Amino acid sequence: MLCKDLKVVNLNITEDNYQYKALFRLCTDESCMDIDMENLSDNTLLEEIKKTFFLEDSIEEIKNIITEKVMEASKIESRIVEGKNCCDETKDKKVQRDIDSLSTS
């Protein structure tokens, strides 16, 4: 199997005082493995990933491909914006009041 065939799911990125932590799950149809992005530079973990998913890629390629997949998944997650445009109506009312106050002067 090739590393590009793995799926990165359940990506969870948190930030505490500018320290970021990324947890995610690598999956195939047969198995899954929970990964902490901080540990991705550990060759032992990369070897374990290679053995678990029977990957043909080199350790360095596995690290690079997984990093790219996490970055791509983070772009998708960041597009989901809860509360988007929640305060536009309030801003519009204020602008309209300002315009009305200028009109009556």
N, C-alpha and C. Protein backbone atom coordinates (compact mmCIF):
# COMPACT_ATOMS: atom_id res chain seq x y z
N MET A 1 0.84 -1.18 0.00
CA MET A 1 0.00 0.00 0.00
C MET A 1 0.89 1.24 0.00
N LEU A 2 0.38 2.31 -0.58
CA LEU A 2 1.10 3.58 -0.61
C LEU A 2 0.53 4.53 0.44
N CYS A 3 1.38 5.38 0.96
CA CYS A 3 0.98 6.32 1.99
C CYS A 3 -0.10 7.29 1.49
N LYS A 4 -0.07 7.60 0.21
CA LYS A 4 -1.06 8.53 -0.34
C LYS A 4 -2.48 7.97 -0.26
N ASP A 5 -2.61 6.65 -0.05
CA ASP A 5 -3.92 6.02 0.05
C ASP A 5 -4.52 6.10 1.46
N LEU A 6 -3.72 6.53 2.42
CA LEU A 6 -4.23 6.69 3.79
C LEU A 6 -5.15 7.90 3.87
N LYS A 7 -6.09 7.85 4.80
CA LYS A 7 -7.01 8.96 5.02
C LYS A 7 -6.71 9.59 6.38
N VAL A 8 -6.70 10.92 6.43
CA VAL A 8 -6.57 11.65 7.68
C VAL A 8 -7.99 12.09 8.07
N VAL A 9 -8.46 11.59 9.21
CA VAL A 9 -9.81 11.92 9.68
C VAL A 9 -9.75 12.37 11.13
N ASN A 10 -10.83 12.93 11.60
CA ASN A 10 -10.97 13.38 12.99
C ASN A 10 -9.84 14.32 13.41
N LEU A 11 -9.50 15.24 12.54
CA LEU A 11 -8.44 16.20 12.84
C LEU A 11 -8.93 17.16 13.90
N ASN A 12 -8.14 17.33 14.95
CA ASN A 12 -8.48 18.23 16.04
C ASN A 12 -7.26 19.08 16.33
N ILE A 13 -7.35 20.37 16.00
CA ILE A 13 -6.23 21.28 16.25
C ILE A 13 -6.64 22.23 17.37
N THR A 14 -5.83 22.28 18.41
CA THR A 14 -6.10 23.18 19.53
C THR A 14 -4.91 24.09 19.73
N GLU A 15 -5.17 25.22 20.36
CA GLU A 15 -4.12 26.21 20.62
C GLU A 15 -4.26 26.68 22.05
N ASP A 16 -3.16 26.69 22.76
CA ASP A 16 -3.13 27.19 24.12
C ASP A 16 -1.87 28.03 24.27
N ASN A 17 -2.07 29.32 24.35
CA ASN A 17 -0.94 30.24 24.52
C ASN A 17 0.08 30.07 23.40
N TYR A 18 -0.39 30.03 22.18
CA TYR A 18 0.43 29.89 20.96
C TYR A 18 1.15 28.54 20.86
N GLN A 19 0.72 27.56 21.62
CA GLN A 19 1.25 26.21 21.48
C GLN A 19 0.14 25.38 20.84
N TYR A 20 0.41 24.90 19.65
CA TYR A 20 -0.59 24.18 18.88
C TYR A 20 -0.41 22.67 19.06
N LYS A 21 -1.53 21.98 19.08
CA LYS A 21 -1.53 20.53 19.19
C LYS A 21 -2.50 20.00 18.14
N ALA A 22 -2.03 19.04 17.37
CA ALA A 22 -2.87 18.45 16.32
C ALA A 22 -2.97 16.95 16.56
N LEU A 23 -4.18 16.50 16.76
CA LEU A 23 -4.45 15.08 16.91
C LEU A 23 -5.31 14.64 15.74
N PHE A 24 -5.02 13.48 15.20
CA PHE A 24 -5.79 13.00 14.06
C PHE A 24 -5.73 11.49 14.02
N ARG A 25 -6.50 10.92 13.12
CA ARG A 25 -6.54 9.47 12.96
C ARG A 25 -6.18 9.14 11.51
N LEU A 26 -5.24 8.22 11.35
CA LEU A 26 -4.90 7.68 10.03
C LEU A 26 -5.73 6.43 9.83
N CYS A 27 -6.37 6.32 8.68
CA CYS A 27 -7.27 5.18 8.46
C CYS A 27 -7.13 4.59 7.07
N THR A 28 -7.41 3.30 7.03
CA THR A 28 -7.69 2.58 5.79
C THR A 28 -9.01 1.88 6.04
N ASP A 29 -9.46 1.09 5.10
CA ASP A 29 -10.70 0.36 5.30
C ASP A 29 -10.56 -0.69 6.40
N GLU A 30 -9.34 -1.20 6.62
CA GLU A 30 -9.13 -2.29 7.57
C GLU A 30 -8.71 -1.83 8.96
N SER A 31 -7.94 -0.74 9.06
CA SER A 31 -7.42 -0.36 10.38
C SER A 31 -7.28 1.15 10.52
N CYS A 32 -7.16 1.58 11.78
CA CYS A 32 -6.98 2.99 12.10
C CYS A 32 -5.90 3.14 13.17
N MET A 33 -5.32 4.34 13.22
CA MET A 33 -4.28 4.61 14.20
C MET A 33 -4.36 6.07 14.61
N ASP A 34 -4.43 6.34 15.92
CA ASP A 34 -4.46 7.72 16.41
C ASP A 34 -3.04 8.26 16.49
N ILE A 35 -2.88 9.50 16.00
CA ILE A 35 -1.55 10.10 15.90
C ILE A 35 -1.57 11.50 16.50
N ASP A 36 -0.50 11.85 17.18
CA ASP A 36 -0.27 13.21 17.65
C ASP A 36 0.79 13.81 16.73
N MET A 37 0.48 14.93 16.11
CA MET A 37 1.39 15.54 15.13
C MET A 37 2.77 15.82 15.74
N GLU A 38 2.80 16.09 17.02
CA GLU A 38 4.06 16.37 17.70
C GLU A 38 5.01 15.18 17.63
N ASN A 39 4.46 13.98 17.61
CA ASN A 39 5.29 12.77 17.59
C ASN A 39 5.65 12.30 16.19
N LEU A 40 5.21 13.03 15.18
CA LEU A 40 5.43 12.60 13.81
C LEU A 40 6.89 12.64 13.38
N SER A 41 7.72 13.36 14.11
CA SER A 41 9.15 13.39 13.76
C SER A 41 9.91 12.23 14.40
N ASP A 42 9.23 11.42 15.19
CA ASP A 42 9.84 10.26 15.85
C ASP A 42 9.88 9.09 14.86
N ASN A 43 11.08 8.60 14.57
CA ASN A 43 11.23 7.50 13.61
C ASN A 43 10.55 6.22 14.08
N THR A 44 10.46 6.02 15.39
CA THR A 44 9.79 4.84 15.92
C THR A 44 8.31 4.85 15.53
N LEU A 45 7.68 6.01 15.66
CA LEU A 45 6.27 6.13 15.27
C LEU A 45 6.11 5.92 13.77
N LEU A 46 7.01 6.49 12.99
CA LEU A 46 6.93 6.34 11.54
C LEU A 46 7.10 4.88 11.13
N GLU A 47 7.99 4.18 11.80
CA GLU A 47 8.17 2.74 11.53
C GLU A 47 6.89 1.98 11.89
N GLU A 48 6.27 2.36 13.01
CA GLU A 48 5.03 1.71 13.42
C GLU A 48 3.92 1.95 12.39
N ILE A 49 3.83 3.18 11.89
CA ILE A 49 2.84 3.50 10.84
C ILE A 49 3.11 2.65 9.61
N LYS A 50 4.38 2.56 9.24
CA LYS A 50 4.75 1.78 8.05
C LYS A 50 4.36 0.32 8.21
N LYS A 51 4.60 -0.25 9.39
CA LYS A 51 4.26 -1.66 9.63
C LYS A 51 2.76 -1.88 9.74
N THR A 52 2.08 -0.95 10.42
CA THR A 52 0.64 -1.11 10.64
C THR A 52 -0.13 -1.11 9.32
N PHE A 53 0.26 -0.23 8.41
CA PHE A 53 -0.48 -0.09 7.16
C PHE A 53 0.23 -0.75 5.97
N PHE A 54 1.33 -1.47 6.25
CA PHE A 54 2.08 -2.17 5.21
C PHE A 54 2.46 -1.23 4.06
N LEU A 55 3.06 -0.10 4.42
CA LEU A 55 3.40 0.93 3.44
C LEU A 55 4.71 0.62 2.72
N GLU A 56 4.75 0.94 1.44
CA GLU A 56 5.94 0.73 0.62
C GLU A 56 6.87 1.95 0.63
N ASP A 57 6.36 3.10 1.04
CA ASP A 57 7.12 4.34 1.01
C ASP A 57 8.24 4.35 2.06
N SER A 58 9.23 5.21 1.83
CA SER A 58 10.30 5.38 2.81
C SER A 58 9.77 6.17 4.01
N ILE A 59 10.52 6.14 5.10
CA ILE A 59 10.13 6.85 6.33
C ILE A 59 9.97 8.34 6.06
N GLU A 60 10.92 8.91 5.34
CA GLU A 60 10.86 10.35 5.03
C GLU A 60 9.65 10.69 4.17
N GLU A 61 9.36 9.85 3.19
CA GLU A 61 8.18 10.08 2.34
C GLU A 61 6.90 9.97 3.16
N ILE A 62 6.84 9.02 4.06
CA ILE A 62 5.66 8.85 4.91
C ILE A 62 5.43 10.11 5.73
N LYS A 63 6.48 10.62 6.34
CA LYS A 63 6.37 11.84 7.15
C LYS A 63 5.87 13.02 6.30
N ASN A 64 6.46 13.20 5.12
CA ASN A 64 6.07 14.31 4.26
C ASN A 64 4.63 14.19 3.77
N ILE A 65 4.23 13.00 3.37
CA ILE A 65 2.88 12.80 2.84
C ILE A 65 1.84 13.00 3.93
N ILE A 66 2.10 12.47 5.13
CA ILE A 66 1.14 12.65 6.23
C ILE A 66 1.04 14.11 6.61
N THR A 67 2.17 14.81 6.65
CA THR A 67 2.15 16.24 6.95
C THR A 67 1.31 17.00 5.92
N GLU A 68 1.48 16.69 4.65
CA GLU A 68 0.69 17.33 3.60
C GLU A 68 -0.80 17.02 3.77
N LYS A 69 -1.12 15.78 4.10
CA LYS A 69 -2.51 15.39 4.28
C LYS A 69 -3.14 16.12 5.47
N VAL A 70 -2.39 16.30 6.55
CA VAL A 70 -2.89 17.04 7.71
C VAL A 70 -3.12 18.50 7.34
N MET A 71 -2.19 19.09 6.60
CA MET A 71 -2.35 20.49 6.19
C MET A 71 -3.57 20.66 5.29
N GLU A 72 -3.78 19.72 4.40
CA GLU A 72 -4.94 19.78 3.52
C GLU A 72 -6.23 19.62 4.33
N ALA A 73 -6.24 18.71 5.27
CA ALA A 73 -7.42 18.50 6.11
C ALA A 73 -7.69 19.73 6.96
N SER A 74 -6.65 20.43 7.40
CA SER A 74 -6.86 21.63 8.22
C SER A 74 -7.49 22.75 7.39
N LYS A 75 -7.18 22.81 6.11
CA LYS A 75 -7.81 23.81 5.24
C LYS A 75 -9.30 23.55 5.13
N ILE A 76 -9.66 22.30 5.00
CA ILE A 76 -11.07 21.94 4.89
C ILE A 76 -11.80 22.28 6.18
N GLU A 77 -11.22 21.94 7.32
CA GLU A 77 -11.85 22.21 8.61
C GLU A 77 -12.00 23.71 8.85
N SER A 78 -11.01 24.51 8.42
CA SER A 78 -11.06 25.94 8.70
C SER A 78 -12.10 26.65 7.85
N ARG A 79 -12.62 26.00 6.82
CA ARG A 79 -13.67 26.62 6.01
C ARG A 79 -15.02 26.60 6.70
N ILE A 80 -15.18 25.75 7.68
CA ILE A 80 -16.43 25.67 8.42
C ILE A 80 -16.42 26.77 9.46
N VAL A 81 -17.25 27.78 9.28
CA VAL A 81 -17.25 28.93 10.18
C VAL A 81 -18.62 29.01 10.85
N GLU A 82 -18.65 28.69 12.13
CA GLU A 82 -19.90 28.78 12.86
C GLU A 82 -20.12 30.24 13.24
N GLY A 83 -21.35 30.69 13.12
CA GLY A 83 -21.67 32.06 13.46
C GLY A 83 -21.25 33.05 12.40
N LYS A 84 -20.95 32.57 11.22
CA LYS A 84 -20.51 33.44 10.14
C LYS A 84 -21.59 34.47 9.85
N ASN A 85 -21.19 35.72 9.72
CA ASN A 85 -22.09 36.84 9.44
C ASN A 85 -23.16 37.02 10.51
N CYS A 86 -22.83 36.63 11.75
CA CYS A 86 -23.84 36.70 12.81
C CYS A 86 -24.18 38.13 13.19
N CYS A 87 -23.27 39.05 13.02
CA CYS A 87 -23.50 40.42 13.49
C CYS A 87 -23.70 41.41 12.35
N ASP A 88 -23.85 40.94 11.12
CA ASP A 88 -24.02 41.85 9.99
C ASP A 88 -25.27 42.70 10.12
N GLU A 89 -26.36 42.10 10.61
CA GLU A 89 -27.61 42.85 10.73
C GLU A 89 -27.44 44.01 11.70
N THR A 90 -26.74 43.81 12.79
CA THR A 90 -26.50 44.86 13.77
C THR A 90 -25.66 45.97 13.15
N LYS A 91 -24.63 45.59 12.41
CA LYS A 91 -23.79 46.59 11.74
C LYS A 91 -24.60 47.37 10.72
N ASP A 92 -25.46 46.69 9.97
CA ASP A 92 -26.28 47.35 8.96
C ASP A 92 -27.23 48.36 9.60
N LYS A 93 -27.82 48.00 10.74
CA LYS A 93 -28.74 48.92 11.43
C LYS A 93 -27.98 50.15 11.91
N LYS A 94 -26.76 49.99 12.43
CA LYS A 94 -25.98 51.13 12.90
C LYS A 94 -25.63 52.05 11.74
N VAL A 95 -25.21 51.48 10.63
CA VAL A 95 -24.88 52.29 9.45
C VAL A 95 -26.13 53.04 8.99
N GLN A 96 -27.27 52.36 8.97
CA GLN A 96 -28.51 53.02 8.54
C GLN A 96 -28.87 54.16 9.49
N ARG A 97 -28.70 53.98 10.80
CA ARG A 97 -28.98 55.06 11.77
C ARG A 97 -28.05 56.24 11.53
N ASP A 98 -26.76 55.96 11.25
CA ASP A 98 -25.81 57.03 10.97
C ASP A 98 -26.21 57.80 9.71
N ILE A 99 -26.65 57.08 8.69
CA ILE A 99 -27.09 57.72 7.45
C ILE A 99 -28.33 58.56 7.72
N ASP A 100 -29.29 58.01 8.48
CA ASP A 100 -30.51 58.75 8.82
C ASP A 100 -30.21 60.00 9.62
N SER A 101 -29.24 59.92 10.54
CA SER A 101 -28.92 61.09 11.36
C SER A 101 -28.28 62.18 10.50
N LEU A 102 -27.54 61.80 9.48
CA LEU A 102 -26.95 62.79 8.58
C LEU A 102 -28.03 63.41 7.69
N SER A 103 -29.03 62.62 7.33
CA SER A 103 -30.10 63.10 6.45
C SER A 103 -30.96 64.15 7.14
N THR A 104 -31.17 63.99 8.44
CA THR A 104 -32.06 64.92 9.17
C THR A 104 -31.33 66.18 9.59
N SER A 105 -30.01 66.20 9.47
CA SER A 105 -29.25 67.38 9.93
C SER A 105 -29.37 68.52 8.97
